[in-house]
């Protein structure tokens, strides 16, 4: 309590009589209960998880800055698979501005998408898409992907796509002894009946997608979109040779360095063993540093742990 003299002294500086309020005892009790509820809400509010170490925060921001097409889910997968750091996409999102990810919901019906998933390991899918060069020349890219492993089996470029050229791509991509049972393609006229018969003779059954049903070839359609969003939307090829060289480097990154959510996440052709997770999921192992390898001149980066020299 304040001394009486101090109260008298302070009373000279304001009209304390106007500050007096007459209330009922019930009102005073109600104010007390309300004040206690506010106090307890503040005292018991969740504090949240501890912040990530400063070096990990910096690494997340560096990854986001170096790879503008990556979202928080991609960065979280890169940290887990390459560096052994377990950080959830929601935690990554807190240290980034923007970026989003959405998970796939299971499809209970036996539709085309369900059929593809059930037979993924025995299916390859193919498609064409168009690329325009710096001189406005139209080129056609043919891609063939394993649905189960998400590995790009074959990729090539031509200015004049024909059924004979497409059949030659199948011959180069599918070896004599192969595990494939089905190949999916759309109803483009380039896939002639003679070409389908020749592919069938290779021991692969041809599945034509229904009319106006791009989801029937969803894996390959998504691959084409990924190639555009992560590669060709940022580069302008000068010639057919230049485009083939760009795609060759990107396909190597796609198969050996890019995490895929559909694989758990995983990598179709990992070139090294998975990194062992440390006891502390937010800290790098002792005596290790992070090395970055630029892909396509720095459009993407691949990260790995490297032991520091003694």
C-alpha atoms as a PDB file:
ATOM      1  CA  UNK A   1       0.000   0.000   0.000  1.00  0.00           C
ATOM      2  CA  UNK A   2       1.115   3.533  -0.678  1.00  0.00           C
ATOM      3  CA  UNK A   3       1.796   5.869   2.280  1.00  0.00           C
ATOM      4  CA  UNK A   4      -0.962   8.346   3.062  1.00  0.00           C
ATOM      5  CA  UNK A   5       1.390  11.290   2.489  1.00  0.00           C
ATOM      6  CA  UNK A   6       2.193  10.078  -1.019  1.00  0.00           C
ATOM      7  CA  UNK A   7      -1.500   9.745  -1.846  1.00  0.00           C
ATOM      8  CA  UNK A   8      -2.133  13.314  -0.652  1.00  0.00           C
ATOM      9  CA  UNK A   9       0.818  14.537  -2.726  1.00  0.00           C
ATOM     10  CA  UNK A  10      -0.332  12.735  -5.880  1.00  0.00           C
ATOM     11  CA  UNK A  11      -3.906  13.990  -5.339  1.00  0.00           C
ATOM     12  CA  UNK A  12      -2.725  17.521  -6.125  1.00  0.00           C
ATOM     13  CA  UNK A  13      -2.021  16.656  -9.765  1.00  0.00           C
ATOM     14  CA  UNK A  14      -5.491  15.441 -10.869  1.00  0.00           C
ATOM     15  CA  UNK A  15      -9.141  15.711  -9.896  1.00  0.00           C
ATOM     16  CA  UNK A  16      -9.337  12.458  -7.951  1.00  0.00           C
ATOM     17  CA  UNK A  17     -12.898  13.078  -6.855  1.00  0.00           C
ATOM     18  CA  UNK A  18     -14.094  12.733 -10.455  1.00  0.00           C
ATOM     19  CA  UNK A  19     -12.328   9.356 -10.668  1.00  0.00           C
ATOM     20  CA  UNK A  20     -14.405   7.865  -7.855  1.00  0.00           C
ATOM     21  CA  UNK A  21     -17.055   5.446  -9.082  1.00  0.00           C
ATOM     22  CA  UNK A  22     -19.726   3.985  -6.888  1.00  0.00           C
ATOM     23  CA  UNK A  23     -20.559   0.390  -7.840  1.00  0.00           C
ATOM     24  CA  UNK A  24     -22.467  -2.466  -6.353  1.00  0.00           C
ATOM     25  CA  UNK A  25     -20.624  -5.408  -4.764  1.00  0.00           C
ATOM     26  CA  UNK A  26     -21.928  -7.671  -7.561  1.00  0.00           C
ATOM     27  CA  UNK A  27     -20.344  -5.395 -10.164  1.00  0.00           C
ATOM     28  CA  UNK A  28     -17.009  -5.507  -8.350  1.00  0.00           C
ATOM     29  CA  UNK A  29     -17.148  -9.325  -8.183  1.00  0.00           C
ATOM     30  CA  UNK A  30     -18.012  -9.522 -11.882  1.00  0.00           C
ATOM     31  CA  UNK A  31     -15.050  -7.321 -12.756  1.00  0.00           C
ATOM     32  CA  UNK A  32     -12.809  -9.506 -10.638  1.00  0.00           C
ATOM     33  CA  UNK A  33     -13.965 -12.716 -12.317  1.00  0.00           C
ATOM     34  CA  UNK A  34     -13.584 -11.181 -15.765  1.00  0.00           C
ATOM     35  CA  UNK A  35     -10.098  -9.946 -14.916  1.00  0.00           C
ATOM     36  CA  UNK A  36      -9.142 -13.389 -13.616  1.00  0.00           C
ATOM     37  CA  UNK A  37     -10.375 -15.056 -16.832  1.00  0.00           C
ATOM     38  CA  UNK A  38      -8.270 -12.667 -18.916  1.00  0.00           C
ATOM     39  CA  UNK A  39      -5.270 -13.247 -16.667  1.00  0.00           C
ATOM     40  CA  UNK A  40      -5.633 -17.039 -16.855  1.00  0.00           C
ATOM     41  CA  UNK A  41      -6.085 -16.966 -20.634  1.00  0.00           C
ATOM     42  CA  UNK A  42      -2.841 -15.049 -20.969  1.00  0.00           C
ATOM     43  CA  UNK A  43      -1.041 -17.323 -18.516  1.00  0.00           C
ATOM     44  CA  UNK A  44      -2.197 -20.598 -20.102  1.00  0.00           C
ATOM     45  CA  UNK A  45      -1.903 -19.647 -23.784  1.00  0.00           C
ATOM     46  CA  UNK A  46       0.177 -22.111 -25.836  1.00  0.00           C
ATOM     47  CA  UNK A  47       3.785 -21.112 -26.173  1.00  0.00           C
ATOM     48  CA  UNK A  48       4.418 -23.123 -29.359  1.00  0.00           C
ATOM     49  CA  UNK A  49       7.415 -25.109 -30.419  1.00  0.00           C
ATOM     50  CA  UNK A  50      10.900 -23.719 -29.941  1.00  0.00           C
ATOM     51  CA  UNK A  51      12.251 -21.745 -32.859  1.00  0.00           C
ATOM     52  CA  UNK A  52      14.549 -23.418 -35.357  1.00  0.00           C
ATOM     53  CA  UNK A  53      18.269 -22.784 -34.977  1.00  0.00           C
ATOM     54  CA  UNK A  54      19.487 -19.665 -36.724  1.00  0.00           C
ATOM     55  CA  UNK A  55      21.625 -21.585 -39.224  1.00  0.00           C
ATOM     56  CA  UNK A  56      18.653 -23.769 -40.238  1.00  0.00           C
ATOM     57  CA  UNK A  57      16.430 -20.702 -40.664  1.00  0.00           C
ATOM     58  CA  UNK A  58      19.090 -19.185 -42.903  1.00  0.00           C
ATOM     59  CA  UNK A  59      19.370 -22.407 -44.919  1.00  0.00           C
ATOM     60  CA  UNK A  60      15.584 -22.530 -45.481  1.00  0.00           C
ATOM     61  CA  UNK A  61      15.542 -18.936 -46.689  1.00  0.00           C
ATOM     62  CA  UNK A  62      18.555 -19.609 -48.917  1.00  0.00           C
ATOM     63  CA  UNK A  63      16.821 -22.595 -50.501  1.00  0.00           C
ATOM     64  CA  UNK A  64      13.700 -20.511 -51.119  1.00  0.00           C
ATOM     65  CA  UNK A  65      15.728 -17.674 -52.643  1.00  0.00           C
ATOM     66  CA  UNK A  66      17.843 -19.978 -54.818  1.00  0.00           C
ATOM     67  CA  UNK A  67      14.851 -22.000 -56.036  1.00  0.00           C
ATOM     68  CA  UNK A  68      11.888 -19.680 -56.669  1.00  0.00           C
ATOM     69  CA  UNK A  69       9.645 -22.510 -57.902  1.00  0.00           C
ATOM     70  CA  UNK A  70       9.928 -24.523 -54.663  1.00  0.00           C
ATOM     71  CA  UNK A  71       7.198 -24.474 -52.044  1.00  0.00           C
ATOM     72  CA  UNK A  72       7.479 -25.388 -48.376  1.00  0.00           C
ATOM     73  CA  UNK A  73       6.700 -29.061 -49.047  1.00  0.00           C
ATOM     74  CA  UNK A  74       9.548 -29.341 -51.565  1.00  0.00           C
ATOM     75  CA  UNK A  75      11.997 -27.659 -49.188  1.00  0.00           C
ATOM     76  CA  UNK A  76      10.915 -29.940 -46.314  1.00  0.00           C
ATOM     77  CA  UNK A  77      11.481 -32.999 -48.533  1.00  0.00           C
ATOM     78  CA  UNK A  78      14.908 -31.725 -49.589  1.00  0.00           C
ATOM     79  CA  UNK A  79      15.923 -31.203 -45.963  1.00  0.00           C
ATOM     80  CA  UNK A  80      14.736 -34.654 -44.927  1.00  0.00           C
ATOM     81  CA  UNK A  81      16.036 -36.742 -47.837  1.00  0.00           C
ATOM     82  CA  UNK A  82      19.343 -34.965 -48.472  1.00  0.00           C
ATOM     83  CA  UNK A  83      20.360 -33.476 -45.118  1.00  0.00           C
ATOM     84  CA  UNK A  84      18.528 -35.625 -42.558  1.00  0.00           C
ATOM     85  CA  UNK A  85      16.737 -32.641 -40.978  1.00  0.00           C
ATOM     86  CA  UNK A  86      13.111 -33.337 -40.040  1.00  0.00           C
ATOM     87  CA  UNK A  87      11.179 -30.114 -40.514  1.00  0.00           C
ATOM     88  CA  UNK A  88       7.472 -30.110 -41.358  1.00  0.00           C
ATOM     89  CA  UNK A  89       6.152 -28.044 -44.288  1.00  0.00           C
ATOM     90  CA  UNK A  90       4.087 -25.975 -41.837  1.00  0.00           C
ATOM     91  CA  UNK A  91       7.248 -25.084 -39.920  1.00  0.00           C
ATOM     92  CA  UNK A  92       9.032 -24.201 -43.164  1.00  0.00           C
ATOM     93  CA  UNK A  93       6.101 -21.973 -44.120  1.00  0.00           C
ATOM     94  CA  UNK A  94       6.640 -19.837 -41.026  1.00  0.00           C
ATOM     95  CA  UNK A  95      10.047 -18.791 -42.319  1.00  0.00           C
ATOM     96  CA  UNK A  96       8.951 -18.137 -45.892  1.00  0.00           C
ATOM     97  CA  UNK A  97       6.756 -15.556 -47.539  1.00  0.00           C
ATOM     98  CA  UNK A  98       4.268 -17.319 -49.761  1.00  0.00           C
ATOM     99  CA  UNK A  99       4.367 -20.861 -51.106  1.00  0.00           C
ATOM    100  CA  UNK A 100       1.680 -23.489 -50.753  1.00  0.00           C
ATOM    101  CA  UNK A 101       1.144 -27.203 -51.078  1.00  0.00           C
ATOM    102  CA  UNK A 102      -1.891 -29.446 -51.219  1.00  0.00           C
ATOM    103  CA  UNK A 103      -2.093 -33.140 -50.594  1.00  0.00           C
ATOM    104  CA  UNK A 104      -3.929 -35.622 -52.794  1.00  0.00           C
ATOM    105  CA  UNK A 105      -7.080 -37.254 -51.527  1.00  0.00           C
ATOM    106  CA  UNK A 106      -7.549 -40.982 -52.215  1.00  0.00           C
ATOM    107  CA  UNK A 107      -9.857 -41.924 -55.058  1.00  0.00           C
ATOM    108  CA  UNK A 108     -12.219 -44.683 -53.873  1.00  0.00           C
ATOM    109  CA  UNK A 109     -13.759 -45.355 -57.290  1.00  0.00           C
ATOM    110  CA  UNK A 110     -12.243 -47.722 -59.843  1.00  0.00           C
ATOM    111  CA  UNK A 111     -11.768 -45.017 -62.444  1.00  0.00           C
ATOM    112  CA  UNK A 112      -8.845 -44.505 -64.780  1.00  0.00           C
ATOM    113  CA  UNK A 113      -6.809 -42.790 -62.088  1.00  0.00           C
ATOM    114  CA  UNK A 114      -7.367 -45.710 -59.716  1.00  0.00           C
ATOM    115  CA  UNK A 115      -6.470 -48.205 -62.444  1.00  0.00           C
ATOM    116  CA  UNK A 116      -3.230 -46.369 -63.141  1.00  0.00           C
ATOM    117  CA  UNK A 117      -2.282 -46.401 -59.452  1.00  0.00           C
ATOM    118  CA  UNK A 118      -3.076 -50.095 -59.055  1.00  0.00           C
ATOM    119  CA  UNK A 119      -0.915 -51.066 -62.042  1.00  0.00           C
ATOM    120  CA  UNK A 120       1.669 -48.290 -61.778  1.00  0.00           C
ATOM    121  CA  UNK A 121       4.752 -50.509 -61.663  1.00  0.00           C
ATOM    122  CA  UNK A 122       3.893 -52.147 -65.002  1.00  0.00           C
ATOM    123  CA  UNK A 123       2.832 -48.999 -66.871  1.00  0.00           C
ATOM    124  CA  UNK A 124       4.717 -46.458 -68.948  1.00  0.00           C
ATOM    125  CA  UNK A 125       3.021 -43.334 -70.254  1.00  0.00           C
ATOM    126  CA  UNK A 126       3.984 -40.987 -73.069  1.00  0.00           C
ATOM    127  CA  UNK A 127       2.969 -37.645 -74.475  1.00  0.00           C
ATOM    128  CA  UNK A 128       4.028 -34.829 -76.799  1.00  0.00           C
ATOM    129  CA  UNK A 129       4.203 -31.138 -76.007  1.00  0.00           C
ATOM    130  CA  UNK A 130       5.242 -28.067 -77.953  1.00  0.00           C
ATOM    131  CA  UNK A 131       8.146 -25.686 -77.320  1.00  0.00           C
ATOM    132  CA  UNK A 132       8.787 -22.449 -79.231  1.00  0.00           C
ATOM    133  CA  UNK A 133      12.400 -21.375 -79.783  1.00  0.00           C
ATOM    134  CA  UNK A 134      13.850 -17.873 -79.738  1.00  0.00           C
ATOM    135  CA  UNK A 135      13.361 -17.688 -83.529  1.00  0.00           C
ATOM    136  CA  UNK A 136       9.690 -18.796 -83.185  1.00  0.00           C
ATOM    137  CA  UNK A 137      10.390 -22.252 -84.493  1.00  0.00           C
ATOM    138  CA  UNK A 138       7.971 -24.879 -83.201  1.00  0.00           C
ATOM    139  CA  UNK A 139       9.576 -28.024 -81.763  1.00  0.00           C
ATOM    140  CA  UNK A 140       7.927 -31.149 -80.380  1.00  0.00           C
ATOM    141  CA  UNK A 141       9.145 -32.945 -77.265  1.00  0.00           C
ATOM    142  CA  UNK A 142       8.345 -36.613 -76.683  1.00  0.00           C
ATOM    143  CA  UNK A 143       8.551 -37.948 -73.111  1.00  0.00           C
ATOM    144  CA  UNK A 144       8.106 -41.471 -71.752  1.00  0.00           C
ATOM    145  CA  UNK A 145       7.790 -42.015 -67.987  1.00  0.00           C
ATOM    146  CA  UNK A 146       7.505 -45.025 -65.676  1.00  0.00           C
ATOM    147  CA  UNK A 147       4.311 -44.465 -63.715  1.00  0.00           C
ATOM    148  CA  UNK A 148       5.390 -46.501 -60.676  1.00  0.00           C
ATOM    149  CA  UNK A 149       8.858 -45.023 -60.126  1.00  0.00           C
ATOM    150  CA  UNK A 150       8.234 -41.600 -61.741  1.00  0.00           C
ATOM    151  CA  UNK A 151      11.468 -42.108 -63.674  1.00  0.00           C
ATOM    152  CA  UNK A 152      11.706 -40.467 -67.074  1.00  0.00           C
ATOM    153  CA  UNK A 153      12.664 -43.344 -69.360  1.00  0.00           C
ATOM    154  CA  UNK A 154      13.153 -41.381 -72.552  1.00  0.00           C
ATOM    155  CA  UNK A 155      13.021 -37.814 -73.846  1.00  0.00           C
ATOM    156  CA  UNK A 156      13.747 -36.510 -77.328  1.00  0.00           C
ATOM    157  CA  UNK A 157      13.058 -33.518 -79.578  1.00  0.00           C
ATOM    158  CA  UNK A 158      12.033 -33.242 -83.214  1.00  0.00           C
ATOM    159  CA  UNK A 159      10.712 -30.580 -85.566  1.00  0.00           C
ATOM    160  CA  UNK A 160       8.702 -33.088 -87.640  1.00  0.00           C
ATOM    161  CA  UNK A 161       6.986 -35.731 -85.497  1.00  0.00           C
ATOM    162  CA  UNK A 162       5.787 -38.781 -87.404  1.00  0.00           C
ATOM    163  CA  UNK A 163       4.539 -42.226 -86.499  1.00  0.00           C
ATOM    164  CA  UNK A 164       7.813 -43.756 -87.733  1.00  0.00           C
ATOM    165  CA  UNK A 165       9.886 -41.368 -85.567  1.00  0.00           C
ATOM    166  CA  UNK A 166       7.688 -42.073 -82.533  1.00  0.00           C
ATOM    167  CA  UNK A 167       8.007 -45.835 -83.020  1.00  0.00           C
ATOM    168  CA  UNK A 168      11.796 -45.441 -83.076  1.00  0.00           C
ATOM    169  CA  UNK A 169      11.605 -43.665 -79.701  1.00  0.00           C
ATOM    170  CA  UNK A 170       9.750 -46.652 -78.247  1.00  0.00           C
ATOM    171  CA  UNK A 171      12.391 -48.998 -79.622  1.00  0.00           C
ATOM    172  CA  UNK A 172      15.157 -46.962 -77.981  1.00  0.00           C
ATOM    173  CA  UNK A 173      13.354 -46.634 -74.655  1.00  0.00           C
ATOM    174  CA  UNK A 174      11.950 -50.146 -74.141  1.00  0.00           C
ATOM    175  CA  UNK A 175      14.615 -52.879 -74.056  1.00  0.00           C
ATOM    176  CA  UNK A 176      14.132 -56.437 -75.241  1.00  0.00           C
ATOM    177  CA  UNK A 177      13.509 -57.818 -71.749  1.00  0.00           C
ATOM    178  CA  UNK A 178      11.327 -55.314 -69.962  1.00  0.00           C
ATOM    179  CA  UNK A 179       8.861 -55.473 -67.052  1.00  0.00           C
ATOM    180  CA  UNK A 180       6.214 -53.309 -68.713  1.00  0.00           C
ATOM    181  CA  UNK A 181       2.729 -54.552 -69.558  1.00  0.00           C
ATOM    182  CA  UNK A 182       0.932 -51.381 -70.637  1.00  0.00           C
ATOM    183  CA  UNK A 183       1.710 -48.122 -72.383  1.00  0.00           C
ATOM    184  CA  UNK A 184      -0.709 -45.191 -72.172  1.00  0.00           C
ATOM    185  CA  UNK A 185      -1.069 -42.531 -74.826  1.00  0.00           C
ATOM    186  CA  UNK A 186      -3.826 -40.213 -76.024  1.00  0.00           C
ATOM    187  CA  UNK A 187      -5.749 -40.343 -79.284  1.00  0.00           C
ATOM    188  CA  UNK A 188      -3.491 -38.060 -81.293  1.00  0.00           C
ATOM    189  CA  UNK A 189      -3.314 -39.108 -84.948  1.00  0.00           C
ATOM    190  CA  UNK A 190       0.446 -39.429 -84.677  1.00  0.00           C
ATOM    191  CA  UNK A 191      -0.150 -42.702 -82.816  1.00  0.00           C
ATOM    192  CA  UNK A 192      -1.234 -44.641 -85.877  1.00  0.00           C
ATOM    193  CA  UNK A 193      -2.701 -48.142 -85.801  1.00  0.00           C
ATOM    194  CA  UNK A 194       0.432 -49.512 -87.493  1.00  0.00           C
ATOM    195  CA  UNK A 195       2.562 -47.934 -84.778  1.00  0.00           C
ATOM    196  CA  UNK A 196       0.338 -49.405 -82.046  1.00  0.00           C
ATOM    197  CA  UNK A 197       0.607 -52.815 -83.674  1.00  0.00           C
ATOM    198  CA  UNK A 198       4.410 -52.561 -83.728  1.00  0.00           C
ATOM    199  CA  UNK A 199       4.473 -51.533 -80.049  1.00  0.00           C
ATOM    200  CA  UNK A 200       2.156 -54.413 -79.164  1.00  0.00           C
ATOM    201  CA  UNK A 201       4.577 -56.774 -80.920  1.00  0.00           C
ATOM    202  CA  UNK A 202       7.213 -55.598 -78.417  1.00  0.00           C
ATOM    203  CA  UNK A 203       5.146 -57.212 -75.633  1.00  0.00           C
ATOM    204  CA  UNK A 204       3.384 -54.059 -74.414  1.00  0.00           C
ATOM    205  CA  UNK A 205      -0.366 -53.573 -74.552  1.00  0.00           C
ATOM    206  CA  UNK A 206      -1.439 -50.158 -75.808  1.00  0.00           C
ATOM    207  CA  UNK A 207      -4.080 -48.302 -73.762  1.00  0.00           C
ATOM    208  CA  UNK A 208      -5.683 -45.366 -75.540  1.00  0.00           C
ATOM    209  CA  UNK A 209      -7.181 -42.775 -73.210  1.00  0.00           C
ATOM    210  CA  UNK A 210     -10.897 -41.973 -73.537  1.00  0.00           C
ATOM    211  CA  UNK A 211     -11.885 -38.988 -75.657  1.00  0.00           C
ATOM    212  CA  UNK A 212     -11.281 -35.635 -73.937  1.00  0.00           C
ATOM    213  CA  UNK A 213     -10.051 -37.296 -70.732  1.00  0.00           C
ATOM    214  CA  UNK A 214      -6.586 -35.918 -69.919  1.00  0.00           C
ATOM    215  CA  UNK A 215      -6.827 -37.311 -66.368  1.00  0.00           C
ATOM    216  CA  UNK A 216      -6.573 -40.802 -67.841  1.00  0.00           C
ATOM    217  CA  UNK A 217      -2.931 -39.945 -68.564  1.00  0.00           C
ATOM    218  CA  UNK A 218      -2.569 -37.807 -65.449  1.00  0.00           C
ATOM    219  CA  UNK A 219       1.010 -38.798 -64.561  1.00  0.00           C
ATOM    220  CA  UNK A 220       2.398 -37.795 -67.936  1.00  0.00           C
ATOM    221  CA  UNK A 221       0.217 -34.677 -68.102  1.00  0.00           C
ATOM    222  CA  UNK A 222       1.563 -33.640 -64.705  1.00  0.00           C
ATOM    223  CA  UNK A 223       5.117 -34.347 -65.893  1.00  0.00           C
ATOM    224  CA  UNK A 224       4.627 -32.004 -68.846  1.00  0.00           C
ATOM    225  CA  UNK A 225       3.363 -29.317 -66.476  1.00  0.00           C
ATOM    226  CA  UNK A 226       6.355 -29.863 -64.175  1.00  0.00           C
ATOM    227  CA  UNK A 227       8.784 -29.529 -67.087  1.00  0.00           C
ATOM    228  CA  UNK A 228       7.197 -26.223 -68.030  1.00  0.00           C
ATOM    229  CA  UNK A 229       6.893 -24.788 -64.495  1.00  0.00           C
ATOM    230  CA  UNK A 230      10.358 -25.829 -63.308  1.00  0.00           C
ATOM    231  CA  UNK A 231      12.388 -25.573 -66.505  1.00  0.00           C
ATOM    232  CA  UNK A 232      11.037 -24.257 -69.806  1.00  0.00           C
ATOM    233  CA  UNK A 233       9.086 -21.317 -68.360  1.00  0.00           C
ATOM    234  CA  UNK A 234      12.440 -19.821 -67.331  1.00  0.00           C
ATOM    235  CA  UNK A 235      14.531 -20.673 -70.418  1.00  0.00           C
ATOM    236  CA  UNK A 236      14.300 -19.837 -74.109  1.00  0.00           C
ATOM    237  CA  UNK A 237      15.921 -22.490 -76.341  1.00  0.00           C
ATOM    238  CA  UNK A 238      17.785 -21.190 -79.359  1.00  0.00           C
ATOM    239  CA  UNK A 239      17.650 -24.365 -81.432  1.00  0.00           C
ATOM    240  CA  UNK A 240      16.666 -28.009 -81.419  1.00  0.00           C
ATOM    241  CA  UNK A 241      20.123 -28.970 -80.207  1.00  0.00           C
ATOM    242  CA  UNK A 242      19.982 -26.408 -77.396  1.00  0.00           C
ATOM    243  CA  UNK A 243      16.551 -27.643 -76.253  1.00  0.00           C
ATOM    244  CA  UNK A 244      17.748 -31.248 -76.259  1.00  0.00           C
ATOM    245  CA  UNK A 245      20.734 -30.265 -74.112  1.00  0.00           C
ATOM    246  CA  UNK A 246      18.499 -28.386 -71.625  1.00  0.00           C
ATOM    247  CA  UNK A 247      16.136 -31.338 -71.303  1.00  0.00           C
ATOM    248  CA  UNK A 248      19.013 -33.794 -70.911  1.00  0.00           C
ATOM    249  CA  UNK A 249      20.324 -31.904 -67.872  1.00  0.00           C
ATOM    250  CA  UNK A 250      16.862 -31.399 -66.389  1.00  0.00           C
ATOM    251  CA  UNK A 251      15.892 -35.071 -66.840  1.00  0.00           C
ATOM    252  CA  UNK A 252      19.045 -36.087 -64.956  1.00  0.00           C
ATOM    253  CA  UNK A 253      18.053 -33.740 -62.113  1.00  0.00           C
ATOM    254  CA  UNK A 254      14.457 -35.016 -62.215  1.00  0.00           C
ATOM    255  CA  UNK A 255      15.548 -38.668 -61.974  1.00  0.00           C
ATOM    256  CA  UNK A 256      18.460 -38.368 -59.542  1.00  0.00           C
ATOM    257  CA  UNK A 257      18.028 -35.219 -57.463  1.00  0.00           C
ATOM    258  CA  UNK A 258      14.420 -34.050 -57.297  1.00  0.00           C
ATOM    259  CA  UNK A 259      12.197 -35.302 -54.425  1.00  0.00           C
ATOM    260  CA  UNK A 260       8.794 -36.638 -55.465  1.00  0.00           C
ATOM    261  CA  UNK A 261       5.840 -36.463 -53.081  1.00  0.00           C
ATOM    262  CA  UNK A 262       4.183 -39.467 -54.724  1.00  0.00           C
ATOM    263  CA  UNK A 263       7.161 -41.646 -53.720  1.00  0.00           C
ATOM    264  CA  UNK A 264       6.791 -40.975 -50.036  1.00  0.00           C
ATOM    265  CA  UNK A 265       8.755 -38.556 -50.645  1.00  0.00           C
ATOM    266  CA  UNK A 266      11.570 -40.229 -52.551  1.00  0.00           C
ATOM    267  CA  UNK A 267      13.859 -40.001 -55.572  1.00  0.00           C
ATOM    268  CA  UNK A 268      13.440 -42.254 -58.657  1.00  0.00           C
ATOM    269  CA  UNK A 269      17.175 -42.981 -59.015  1.00  0.00           C
ATOM    270  CA  UNK A 270      18.969 -41.914 -55.817  1.00  0.00           C
ATOM    271  CA  UNK A 271      22.703 -41.693 -56.472  1.00  0.00           C
ATOM    272  CA  UNK A 272      23.614 -41.952 -52.775  1.00  0.00           C
ATOM    273  CA  UNK A 273      22.264 -43.649 -49.690  1.00  0.00           C
ATOM    274  CA  UNK A 274      19.685 -41.747 -47.624  1.00  0.00           C
ATOM    275  CA  UNK A 275      21.217 -39.536 -44.967  1.00  0.00           C
ATOM    276  CA  UNK A 276      20.905 -40.878 -41.447  1.00  0.00           C
ATOM    277  CA  UNK A 277      18.767 -38.659 -39.272  1.00  0.00           C
ATOM    278  CA  UNK A 278      20.520 -37.120 -36.303  1.00  0.00           C
ATOM    279  CA  UNK A 279      19.309 -37.329 -32.719  1.00  0.00           C
ATOM    280  CA  UNK A 280      18.266 -33.673 -32.893  1.00  0.00           C
ATOM    281  CA  UNK A 281      16.082 -33.333 -35.982  1.00  0.00           C
ATOM    282  CA  UNK A 282      16.800 -29.611 -36.293  1.00  0.00           C
ATOM    283  CA  UNK A 283      20.612 -29.735 -36.166  1.00  0.00           C
ATOM    284  CA  UNK A 284      23.202 -30.855 -38.653  1.00  0.00           C
ATOM    285  CA  UNK A 285      25.581 -33.672 -37.685  1.00  0.00           C
ATOM    286  CA  UNK A 286      28.858 -32.549 -36.175  1.00  0.00           C
ATOM    287  CA  UNK A 287      31.720 -31.852 -38.587  1.00  0.00           C
ATOM    288  CA  UNK A 288      29.359 -31.703 -41.603  1.00  0.00           C
ATOM    289  CA  UNK A 289      28.514 -28.792 -43.882  1.00  0.00           C
ATOM    290  CA  UNK A 290      25.897 -28.306 -46.601  1.00  0.00           C
ATOM    291  CA  UNK A 291      27.097 -28.255 -50.209  1.00  0.00           C
ATOM    292  CA  UNK A 292      24.929 -26.963 -53.058  1.00  0.00           C
ATOM    293  CA  UNK A 293      25.197 -28.040 -56.687  1.00  0.00           C
ATOM    294  CA  UNK A 294      23.680 -25.726 -59.296  1.00  0.00           C
ATOM    295  CA  UNK A 295      21.392 -27.211 -61.954  1.00  0.00           C
ATOM    296  CA  UNK A 296      20.657 -25.424 -65.238  1.00  0.00           C
ATOM    297  CA  UNK A 297      22.885 -22.491 -64.373  1.00  0.00           C
ATOM    298  CA  UNK A 298      21.370 -22.042 -60.914  1.00  0.00           C
ATOM    299  CA  UNK A 299      17.660 -22.402 -61.742  1.00  0.00           C
ATOM    300  CA  UNK A 300      17.606 -25.269 -59.223  1.00  0.00           C
ATOM    301  CA  UNK A 301      20.051 -26.549 -56.644  1.00  0.00           C
ATOM    302  CA  UNK A 302      20.763 -29.973 -55.172  1.00  0.00           C
ATOM    303  CA  UNK A 303      21.953 -30.160 -51.569  1.00  0.00           C
ATOM    304  CA  UNK A 304      24.055 -32.752 -49.810  1.00  0.00           C
ATOM    305  CA  UNK A 305      26.003 -33.176 -46.609  1.00  0.00           C
ATOM    306  CA  UNK A 306      29.769 -33.193 -46.832  1.00  0.00           C
ATOM    307  CA  UNK A 307      32.190 -33.939 -44.051  1.00  0.00           C
ATOM    308  CA  UNK A 308      34.550 -31.112 -43.248  1.00  0.00           C
ATOM    309  CA  UNK A 309      38.256 -31.679 -43.644  1.00  0.00           C
ATOM    310  CA  UNK A 310      40.158 -32.292 -40.434  1.00  0.00           C
END
